[in-house]
C-alpha atoms as a PDB file:
ATOM      1  CA  GLY A   1      63.468 -45.393 -21.999  1.00  0.00           C
ATOM      2  CA  GLN A   2      66.057 -44.093 -23.365  1.00  0.00           C
ATOM      3  CA  THR A   3      69.187 -46.152 -24.321  1.00  0.00           C
ATOM      4  CA  ILE A   4      72.491 -43.597 -24.197  1.00  0.00           C
ATOM      5  CA  ASP A   5      75.785 -45.243 -24.897  1.00  0.00           C
ATOM      6  CA  VAL A   6      77.709 -45.207 -22.071  1.00  0.00           C
ATOM      7  CA  TYR A   7      81.235 -46.547 -20.948  1.00  0.00           C
ATOM      8  CA  LEU A   8      81.866 -46.343 -17.018  1.00  0.00           C
ATOM      9  CA  SER A   9      85.029 -47.790 -15.180  1.00  0.00           C
ATOM     10  CA  PHE A  10      85.504 -47.551 -11.307  1.00  0.00           C
ATOM     11  CA  THR A  11      89.017 -47.819 -10.463  1.00  0.00           C
ATOM     12  CA  GLU A  12      89.864 -48.898  -6.621  1.00  0.00           C
ATOM     13  CA  ASP A  13      91.459 -45.187  -5.626  1.00  0.00           C
ATOM     14  CA  GLY A  14      88.462 -43.971  -6.285  1.00  0.00           C
ATOM     15  CA  LYS A  15      88.228 -42.133  -9.586  1.00  0.00           C
ATOM     16  CA  PHE A  16      86.108 -43.231 -12.116  1.00  0.00           C
ATOM     17  CA  ASN A  17      86.203 -41.954 -16.496  1.00  0.00           C
ATOM     18  CA  MET A  18      83.244 -42.444 -18.383  1.00  0.00           C
ATOM     19  CA  TYR A  19      82.764 -41.988 -21.892  1.00  0.00           C
ATOM     20  CA  GLN A  20      79.737 -40.823 -23.707  1.00  0.00           C
ATOM     21  CA  MET A  21      78.032 -40.801 -27.067  1.00  0.00           C
ATOM     22  CA  LEU A  22      77.042 -37.380 -27.626  1.00  0.00           C
ATOM     23  CA  GLY A  23      74.374 -37.428 -30.432  1.00  0.00           C
ATOM     24  CA  VAL A  24      76.265 -38.649 -33.506  1.00  0.00           C
ATOM     25  CA  GLY A  25      80.416 -39.413 -33.362  1.00  0.00           C
ATOM     26  CA  ARG A  26      82.908 -39.710 -31.513  1.00  0.00           C
ATOM     27  CA  TYR A  27      82.290 -40.166 -27.404  1.00  0.00           C
ATOM     28  CA  ARG A  28      82.928 -37.555 -25.124  1.00  0.00           C
ATOM     29  CA  ALA A  29      85.608 -38.386 -22.093  1.00  0.00           C
ATOM     30  CA  TYR A  30      84.465 -37.448 -18.204  1.00  0.00           C
ATOM     31  CA  SER A  31      85.904 -37.909 -15.457  1.00  0.00           C
ATOM     32  CA  GLY A  32      86.905 -37.499 -11.558  1.00  0.00           C
ATOM     33  CA  THR A  33      86.585 -39.390  -8.422  1.00  0.00           C
ATOM     34  CA  TRP A  34      83.787 -41.579  -6.958  1.00  0.00           C
ATOM     35  CA  ALA A  35      82.598 -42.887  -3.349  1.00  0.00           C
ATOM     36  CA  LEU A  36      80.422 -45.669  -1.968  1.00  0.00           C
ATOM     37  CA  SER A  37      78.880 -45.735   1.123  1.00  0.00           C
ATOM     38  CA  GLY A  38      76.881 -49.110   1.575  1.00  0.00           C
ATOM     39  CA  THR A  39      74.736 -49.442  -1.784  1.00  0.00           C
ATOM     40  CA  THR A  40      74.934 -45.143  -1.880  1.00  0.00           C
ATOM     41  CA  LEU A  41      77.526 -44.466  -4.708  1.00  0.00           C
ATOM     42  CA  THR A  42      77.672 -40.758  -4.997  1.00  0.00           C
ATOM     43  CA  GLY A  43      80.090 -38.293  -7.560  1.00  0.00           C
ATOM     44  CA  LYS A  44      82.366 -35.354  -8.395  1.00  0.00           C
ATOM     45  CA  TYR A  45      83.361 -34.761 -11.573  1.00  0.00           C
ATOM     46  CA  THR A  46      86.772 -32.895 -12.097  1.00  0.00           C
ATOM     47  CA  ASP A  47      85.273 -29.606 -12.400  1.00  0.00           C
ATOM     48  CA  GLY A  48      84.336 -29.717  -8.556  1.00  0.00           C
ATOM     49  CA  SER A  49      80.281 -30.278 -10.034  1.00  0.00           C
ATOM     50  CA  SER A  50      78.490 -33.285  -8.295  1.00  0.00           C
ATOM     51  CA  TRP A  51      76.875 -36.005 -10.184  1.00  0.00           C
ATOM     52  CA  GLY A  52      73.115 -34.731 -10.753  1.00  0.00           C
ATOM     53  CA  SER A  53      72.056 -37.457  -8.433  1.00  0.00           C
ATOM     54  CA  LYS A  54      73.043 -40.136  -5.852  1.00  0.00           C
ATOM     55  CA  TYR A  55      72.793 -43.420  -6.634  1.00  0.00           C
ATOM     56  CA  THR A  56      71.804 -46.996  -5.720  1.00  0.00           C
ATOM     57  CA  VAL A  57      73.841 -49.368  -6.530  1.00  0.00           C
ATOM     58  CA  ALA A  58      72.462 -53.188  -7.384  1.00  0.00           C
ATOM     59  CA  VAL A  59      75.613 -55.865  -8.738  1.00  0.00           C
ATOM     60  CA  ASP A  60      74.374 -59.621 -10.085  1.00  0.00           C
ATOM     61  CA  ASN A  61      76.588 -61.611 -11.465  1.00  0.00           C
ATOM     62  CA  ASN A  62      77.932 -58.900 -14.163  1.00  0.00           C
ATOM     63  CA  THR A  63      74.940 -56.115 -14.402  1.00  0.00           C
ATOM     64  CA  MET A  64      75.575 -53.509 -12.358  1.00  0.00           C
ATOM     65  CA  THR A  65      72.203 -51.327 -12.013  1.00  0.00           C
ATOM     66  CA  LEU A  66      72.449 -47.317 -10.856  1.00  0.00           C
ATOM     67  CA  THR A  67      68.564 -46.366  -9.862  1.00  0.00           C
ATOM     68  CA  SER A  68      69.066 -42.134  -8.948  1.00  0.00           C
ATOM     69  CA  GLU A  69      67.400 -41.567  -5.788  1.00  0.00           C
ATOM     70  CA  ASP A  70      64.440 -39.724  -7.373  1.00  0.00           C
ATOM     71  CA  GLY A  71      64.063 -43.580  -8.719  1.00  0.00           C
ATOM     72  CA  LYS A  72      63.274 -41.145 -12.212  1.00  0.00           C
ATOM     73  CA  GLU A  73      66.806 -43.559 -14.135  1.00  0.00           C
ATOM     74  CA  CYS A  74      67.948 -46.670 -13.620  1.00  0.00           C
ATOM     75  CA  ASP A  75      70.776 -47.125 -15.502  1.00  0.00           C
ATOM     76  CA  HIS A  76      72.427 -50.781 -16.335  1.00  0.00           C
ATOM     77  CA  TYR A  77      75.586 -51.543 -17.325  1.00  0.00           C
ATOM     78  CA  VAL A  78      77.164 -54.937 -18.112  1.00  0.00           C
ATOM     79  CA  LYS A  79      80.593 -55.599 -17.278  1.00  0.00           C
ATOM     80  CA  LYS A  80      83.040 -55.319 -20.303  1.00  0.00           C
ATOM     81  CA  ALA A  81      85.995 -53.724 -20.861  1.00  0.00           C
ATOM     82  CA  ILE A  82      85.947 -50.301 -22.931  1.00  0.00           C
ATOM     83  CA  PRO A  83      86.806 -50.885 -26.691  1.00  0.00           C
ATOM     84  CA  GLU A  84      90.047 -48.804 -27.053  1.00  0.00           C
ATOM     85  CA  SER A  85      89.084 -46.991 -29.763  1.00  0.00           C
ATOM     86  CA  VAL A  86      86.867 -45.464 -27.650  1.00  0.00           C
ATOM     87  CA  ILE A  87      89.131 -44.402 -24.975  1.00  0.00           C
ATOM     88  CA  ASN A  88      91.427 -43.041 -28.281  1.00  0.00           C
ATOM     89  CA  ASN A  89      88.578 -40.917 -30.599  1.00  0.00           C
ATOM     90  CA  ALA A  90      87.034 -39.286 -27.428  1.00  0.00           C
ATOM     91  CA  VAL A  91      86.801 -35.577 -26.966  1.00  0.00           C
END
């Protein structure tokens, strides 16, 4: 599968921040709100549009796996701090 460079953070008050590398250069910053019902994760961006899918969440130690509702997308995240350089230089 394709590897995409993404940092994702969730806060306890239901907000998220995402930093995604698009092409070469800088990260694009996105934010919005998230909700978890059982193991189903949903989200909305600040412009009100929903994420492209609902995701099933599985956590194993420091790894979180998000699987799209149709099963075609499976994203693996490893728990670590988001580098200051990513946050400060995002557009």
